[in-house]
Amino acid sequence: ERVEAFLARLRDALVKMPAAEFAENVAAVKKSFQEKNKNLGEESGKYWSAVSDKTYLFRKYYLLGEEVATVSQKEVLIFFDKFVARGAPLRRVLSVQVFGNNHVEVMEKNATRTTKEDDTKGEEKKNGGCADIGVSVIGDDEIQDFKRVNGFFSLRERVDVESMRLEGFG
């Protein structure tokens, strides 16, 4: 609820923002993308991420800064309405809750809690009224499988190495 209220206020602020203030914000974002590395570790980290991702785009942050400089206030509002605002046609929401080992009972309670979302219909739904949109609890032993089935992770298919094990070697 608080996130939704924040997003509504953010859209209002974007609409009411003077063009000069928007331009200042764009310039600040561009500057942050294009600022020089503070140390050798930061610089090598950027280069190694381009190598490990196999993109080899070493000027990525400079190019992002240049692209940000071309964005208009109208384009930001169109993007917001399409992807971020409540009821947006292409909006997707991911909520993550992390529980330590000392709080397993709380996690299990939240995963099985039932609430009445609409008293007039009297329908009970699991996971705080969100079961109808795909809420699930993922244990620490299931993280790789979760990444594999979701489009925002590019993992290869699982390889069954146990079936390849040779007798007498393991």
C-alpha atoms as a PDB file:
ATOM      1  CA  GLU A   1       0.000   0.000   0.000  1.00  0.00           C
ATOM      2  CA  ARG A   2       2.806   2.410   0.874  1.00  0.00           C
ATOM      3  CA  VAL A   3       4.632   1.576  -2.350  1.00  0.00           C
ATOM      4  CA  GLU A   4       1.490   2.240  -4.394  1.00  0.00           C
ATOM      5  CA  ALA A   5       0.974   5.585  -2.621  1.00  0.00           C
ATOM      6  CA  PHE A   6       4.609   6.507  -3.314  1.00  0.00           C
ATOM      7  CA  LEU A   7       4.220   5.653  -7.004  1.00  0.00           C
ATOM      8  CA  ALA A   8       1.088   7.792  -7.269  1.00  0.00           C
ATOM      9  CA  ARG A   9       2.937  10.729  -5.651  1.00  0.00           C
ATOM     10  CA  LEU A  10       5.916  10.139  -7.951  1.00  0.00           C
ATOM     11  CA  ARG A  11       3.750  10.386 -11.053  1.00  0.00           C
ATOM     12  CA  ASP A  12       2.181  13.603  -9.768  1.00  0.00           C
ATOM     13  CA  ALA A  13       5.655  14.999  -9.103  1.00  0.00           C
ATOM     14  CA  LEU A  14       6.761  14.067 -12.635  1.00  0.00           C
ATOM     15  CA  VAL A  15       3.738  15.791 -14.148  1.00  0.00           C
ATOM     16  CA  LYS A  16       4.200  18.962 -12.080  1.00  0.00           C
ATOM     17  CA  MET A  17       8.004  19.092 -12.427  1.00  0.00           C
ATOM     18  CA  PRO A  18       9.232  22.185 -14.292  1.00  0.00           C
ATOM     19  CA  ALA A  19      11.233  21.465 -17.467  1.00  0.00           C
ATOM     20  CA  ALA A  20      14.365  23.069 -15.983  1.00  0.00           C
ATOM     21  CA  GLU A  21      14.254  20.786 -12.918  1.00  0.00           C
ATOM     22  CA  PHE A  22      13.729  17.739 -15.144  1.00  0.00           C
ATOM     23  CA  ALA A  23      16.752  18.764 -17.228  1.00  0.00           C
ATOM     24  CA  GLU A  24      18.842  19.092 -14.029  1.00  0.00           C
ATOM     25  CA  ASN A  25      17.822  15.572 -12.968  1.00  0.00           C
ATOM     26  CA  VAL A  26      18.676  14.165 -16.393  1.00  0.00           C
ATOM     27  CA  ALA A  27      22.074  15.869 -16.288  1.00  0.00           C
ATOM     28  CA  ALA A  28      22.738  14.425 -12.815  1.00  0.00           C
ATOM     29  CA  VAL A  29      21.899  10.886 -13.976  1.00  0.00           C
ATOM     30  CA  LYS A  30      24.079  11.304 -17.068  1.00  0.00           C
ATOM     31  CA  LYS A  31      26.939  12.553 -14.898  1.00  0.00           C
ATOM     32  CA  SER A  32      26.616   9.581 -12.516  1.00  0.00           C
ATOM     33  CA  PHE A  33      26.801   7.125 -15.437  1.00  0.00           C
ATOM     34  CA  GLN A  34      29.829   8.875 -16.930  1.00  0.00           C
ATOM     35  CA  GLU A  35      31.838   9.747 -13.820  1.00  0.00           C
ATOM     36  CA  LYS A  36      35.373   8.460 -13.728  1.00  0.00           C
ATOM     37  CA  ASN A  37      36.177   5.368 -11.716  1.00  0.00           C
ATOM     38  CA  LYS A  38      37.299   6.134  -8.176  1.00  0.00           C
ATOM     39  CA  ASN A  39      39.833   3.320  -7.979  1.00  0.00           C
ATOM     40  CA  LEU A  40      41.351   0.476  -9.944  1.00  0.00           C
ATOM     41  CA  GLY A  41      38.969  -2.100  -8.442  1.00  0.00           C
ATOM     42  CA  GLU A  42      35.924  -0.177  -9.675  1.00  0.00           C
ATOM     43  CA  GLU A  43      37.401   0.146 -13.154  1.00  0.00           C
ATOM     44  CA  SER A  44      38.439  -3.483 -13.438  1.00  0.00           C
ATOM     45  CA  GLY A  45      35.033  -4.560 -12.104  1.00  0.00           C
ATOM     46  CA  LYS A  46      33.317  -2.768 -14.994  1.00  0.00           C
ATOM     47  CA  TYR A  47      35.643  -4.361 -17.529  1.00  0.00           C
ATOM     48  CA  TRP A  48      35.374  -7.842 -16.059  1.00  0.00           C
ATOM     49  CA  SER A  49      31.583  -7.679 -15.964  1.00  0.00           C
ATOM     50  CA  ALA A  50      31.611  -6.912 -19.723  1.00  0.00           C
ATOM     51  CA  VAL A  51      33.906  -9.898 -20.277  1.00  0.00           C
ATOM     52  CA  SER A  52      31.984 -12.326 -18.032  1.00  0.00           C
ATOM     53  CA  ASP A  53      28.630 -11.282 -19.568  1.00  0.00           C
ATOM     54  CA  LYS A  54      30.216 -11.795 -22.988  1.00  0.00           C
ATOM     55  CA  THR A  55      28.889  -8.425 -24.159  1.00  0.00           C
ATOM     56  CA  TYR A  56      32.357  -6.859 -24.518  1.00  0.00           C
ATOM     57  CA  LEU A  57      30.680  -3.465 -24.338  1.00  0.00           C
ATOM     58  CA  PHE A  58      33.360  -1.663 -22.340  1.00  0.00           C
ATOM     59  CA  ARG A  59      31.823   1.793 -22.856  1.00  0.00           C
ATOM     60  CA  LYS A  60      28.412   0.713 -21.594  1.00  0.00           C
ATOM     61  CA  TYR A  61      28.088   3.343 -18.856  1.00  0.00           C
ATOM     62  CA  TYR A  62      29.253   6.159 -21.106  1.00  0.00           C
ATOM     63  CA  LEU A  63      26.724   5.114 -23.758  1.00  0.00           C
ATOM     64  CA  LEU A  64      23.962   4.825 -21.152  1.00  0.00           C
ATOM     65  CA  GLY A  65      24.708   8.370 -20.042  1.00  0.00           C
ATOM     66  CA  GLU A  66      24.461   9.608 -23.620  1.00  0.00           C
ATOM     67  CA  GLU A  67      21.149   7.810 -24.070  1.00  0.00           C
ATOM     68  CA  VAL A  68      19.732   9.193 -20.814  1.00  0.00           C
ATOM     69  CA  ALA A  69      20.481  12.709 -22.061  1.00  0.00           C
ATOM     70  CA  THR A  70      18.040  12.191 -24.954  1.00  0.00           C
ATOM     71  CA  VAL A  71      15.038  11.206 -22.796  1.00  0.00           C
ATOM     72  CA  SER A  72      12.191  13.705 -22.591  1.00  0.00           C
ATOM     73  CA  GLN A  73       9.796  14.271 -19.718  1.00  0.00           C
ATOM     74  CA  LYS A  74       6.933  13.079 -21.915  1.00  0.00           C
ATOM     75  CA  GLU A  75       8.789   9.812 -22.658  1.00  0.00           C
ATOM     76  CA  VAL A  76       9.332   9.214 -18.936  1.00  0.00           C
ATOM     77  CA  LEU A  77       5.615   9.677 -18.276  1.00  0.00           C
ATOM     78  CA  ILE A  78       4.696   7.335 -21.139  1.00  0.00           C
ATOM     79  CA  PHE A  79       7.097   4.704 -19.749  1.00  0.00           C
ATOM     80  CA  PHE A  80       5.690   5.205 -16.239  1.00  0.00           C
ATOM     81  CA  ASP A  81       2.106   4.759 -17.429  1.00  0.00           C
ATOM     82  CA  LYS A  82       2.990   1.691 -19.477  1.00  0.00           C
ATOM     83  CA  PHE A  83       5.209  -0.198 -17.002  1.00  0.00           C
ATOM     84  CA  VAL A  84       5.060   1.280 -13.475  1.00  0.00           C
ATOM     85  CA  ALA A  85       1.661   2.797 -12.621  1.00  0.00           C
ATOM     86  CA  ARG A  86      -1.037   0.757 -10.919  1.00  0.00           C
ATOM     87  CA  GLY A  87      -3.098  -0.885 -13.650  1.00  0.00           C
ATOM     88  CA  ALA A  88      -0.377  -0.365 -16.278  1.00  0.00           C
ATOM     89  CA  PRO A  89      -0.756  -2.842 -19.164  1.00  0.00           C
ATOM     90  CA  LEU A  90       2.820  -4.189 -18.941  1.00  0.00           C
ATOM     91  CA  ARG A  91       3.388  -3.841 -15.209  1.00  0.00           C
ATOM     92  CA  ARG A  92       4.986  -6.741 -13.358  1.00  0.00           C
ATOM     93  CA  VAL A  93       5.568  -6.836  -9.610  1.00  0.00           C
ATOM     94  CA  LEU A  94       8.048  -8.930  -7.680  1.00  0.00           C
ATOM     95  CA  SER A  95       7.972  -8.850  -3.910  1.00  0.00           C
ATOM     96  CA  VAL A  96      10.809 -10.446  -1.989  1.00  0.00           C
ATOM     97  CA  GLN A  97      10.831 -11.274   1.703  1.00  0.00           C
ATOM     98  CA  VAL A  98      13.925 -12.823   3.249  1.00  0.00           C
ATOM     99  CA  PHE A  99      13.634 -14.759   6.499  1.00  0.00           C
ATOM    100  CA  GLY A 100      16.533 -15.894   8.661  1.00  0.00           C
ATOM    101  CA  ASN A 101      16.685 -19.368  10.166  1.00  0.00           C
ATOM    102  CA  ASN A 102      15.466 -17.961  13.487  1.00  0.00           C
ATOM    103  CA  HIS A 103      12.198 -16.857  11.855  1.00  0.00           C
ATOM    104  CA  VAL A 104      11.082 -19.959   9.966  1.00  0.00           C
ATOM    105  CA  GLU A 105       7.786 -19.985  11.877  1.00  0.00           C
ATOM    106  CA  VAL A 106       6.972 -16.466  10.651  1.00  0.00           C
ATOM    107  CA  MET A 107       7.750 -17.463   7.075  1.00  0.00           C
ATOM    108  CA  GLU A 108       5.518 -20.529   7.289  1.00  0.00           C
ATOM    109  CA  LYS A 109       2.730 -18.483   8.870  1.00  0.00           C
ATOM    110  CA  ASN A 110       2.911 -15.889   6.073  1.00  0.00           C
ATOM    111  CA  ALA A 111       2.935 -18.588   3.409  1.00  0.00           C
ATOM    112  CA  THR A 112      -0.226 -20.250   4.678  1.00  0.00           C
ATOM    113  CA  ARG A 113      -2.134 -17.297   6.134  1.00  0.00           C
ATOM    114  CA  THR A 114      -5.651 -16.834   4.773  1.00  0.00           C
ATOM    115  CA  THR A 115      -7.450 -13.516   4.653  1.00  0.00           C
ATOM    116  CA  LYS A 116     -10.769 -12.301   3.374  1.00  0.00           C
ATOM    117  CA  GLU A 117      -9.943  -9.824   0.655  1.00  0.00           C
ATOM    118  CA  ASP A 118     -13.533  -8.954  -0.158  1.00  0.00           C
ATOM    119  CA  ASP A 119     -16.007  -9.523   2.654  1.00  0.00           C
ATOM    120  CA  THR A 120     -18.966  -9.240   0.289  1.00  0.00           C
ATOM    121  CA  LYS A 121     -17.770 -12.229  -1.723  1.00  0.00           C
ATOM    122  CA  GLY A 122     -16.418 -14.068   1.311  1.00  0.00           C
ATOM    123  CA  GLU A 123     -13.550 -15.593  -0.670  1.00  0.00           C
ATOM    124  CA  GLU A 124     -10.487 -16.652   1.262  1.00  0.00           C
ATOM    125  CA  LYS A 125      -7.118 -16.466  -0.425  1.00  0.00           C
ATOM    126  CA  LYS A 126      -3.706 -17.680   0.697  1.00  0.00           C
ATOM    127  CA  ASN A 127      -0.567 -15.547   1.095  1.00  0.00           C
ATOM    128  CA  GLY A 128      -2.290 -12.379   2.200  1.00  0.00           C
ATOM    129  CA  GLY A 129      -4.730 -12.323  -0.679  1.00  0.00           C
ATOM    130  CA  CYS A 130      -2.130 -12.726  -3.418  1.00  0.00           C
ATOM    131  CA  ALA A 131      -2.291 -16.432  -4.252  1.00  0.00           C
ATOM    132  CA  ASP A 132      -4.316 -15.673  -7.364  1.00  0.00           C
ATOM    133  CA  ILE A 133      -1.335 -13.898  -8.936  1.00  0.00           C
ATOM    134  CA  GLY A 134       1.298 -16.543  -8.332  1.00  0.00           C
ATOM    135  CA  VAL A 135       2.772 -16.075  -4.863  1.00  0.00           C
ATOM    136  CA  SER A 136       5.085 -18.854  -3.811  1.00  0.00           C
ATOM    137  CA  VAL A 137       7.717 -19.484  -1.189  1.00  0.00           C
ATOM    138  CA  ILE A 138      11.141 -20.363  -2.542  1.00  0.00           C
ATOM    139  CA  GLY A 139      13.589 -22.108  -0.249  1.00  0.00           C
ATOM    140  CA  ASP A 140      17.329 -21.531  -0.438  1.00  0.00           C
ATOM    141  CA  ASP A 141      17.732 -24.918  -2.144  1.00  0.00           C
ATOM    142  CA  GLU A 142      15.355 -23.850  -4.960  1.00  0.00           C
ATOM    143  CA  ILE A 143      16.922 -20.544  -6.021  1.00  0.00           C
ATOM    144  CA  GLN A 144      18.647 -21.888  -9.138  1.00  0.00           C
ATOM    145  CA  ASP A 145      15.419 -23.521 -10.326  1.00  0.00           C
ATOM    146  CA  PHE A 146      13.547 -20.252  -9.758  1.00  0.00           C
ATOM    147  CA  LYS A 147      16.113 -18.363 -11.809  1.00  0.00           C
ATOM    148  CA  ARG A 148      15.968 -20.953 -14.562  1.00  0.00           C
ATOM    149  CA  VAL A 149      12.194 -20.679 -15.113  1.00  0.00           C
ATOM    150  CA  ASN A 150      11.977 -16.880 -15.052  1.00  0.00           C
ATOM    151  CA  GLY A 151      12.718 -14.845 -18.147  1.00  0.00           C
ATOM    152  CA  PHE A 152      14.883 -12.261 -16.399  1.00  0.00           C
ATOM    153  CA  PHE A 153      17.626 -14.823 -15.789  1.00  0.00           C
ATOM    154  CA  SER A 154      19.511 -16.430 -18.631  1.00  0.00           C
ATOM    155  CA  LEU A 155      20.578 -19.740 -17.148  1.00  0.00           C
ATOM    156  CA  ARG A 156      21.218 -22.852 -19.142  1.00  0.00           C
ATOM    157  CA  GLU A 157      19.009 -25.895 -18.714  1.00  0.00           C
ATOM    158  CA  ARG A 158      19.793 -28.078 -15.704  1.00  0.00           C
ATOM    159  CA  VAL A 159      22.312 -30.815 -16.471  1.00  0.00           C
ATOM    160  CA  ASP A 160      21.905 -34.119 -14.663  1.00  0.00           C
ATOM    161  CA  VAL A 161      25.490 -34.875 -13.681  1.00  0.00           C
ATOM    162  CA  GLU A 162      24.497 -37.728 -11.374  1.00  0.00           C
ATOM    163  CA  SER A 163      23.474 -39.891 -14.338  1.00  0.00           C
ATOM    164  CA  MET A 164      26.894 -39.307 -15.889  1.00  0.00           C
ATOM    165  CA  ARG A 165      28.796 -40.488 -12.848  1.00  0.00           C
ATOM    166  CA  LEU A 166      31.092 -43.443 -13.552  1.00  0.00           C
ATOM    167  CA  GLU A 167      31.189 -46.414 -11.260  1.00  0.00           C
ATOM    168  CA  GLY A 168      34.057 -46.332  -8.792  1.00  0.00           C
ATOM    169  CA  PHE A 169      34.789 -42.572  -9.142  1.00  0.00           C
ATOM    170  CA  GLY A 170      32.499 -41.038  -6.620  1.00  0.00           C
END
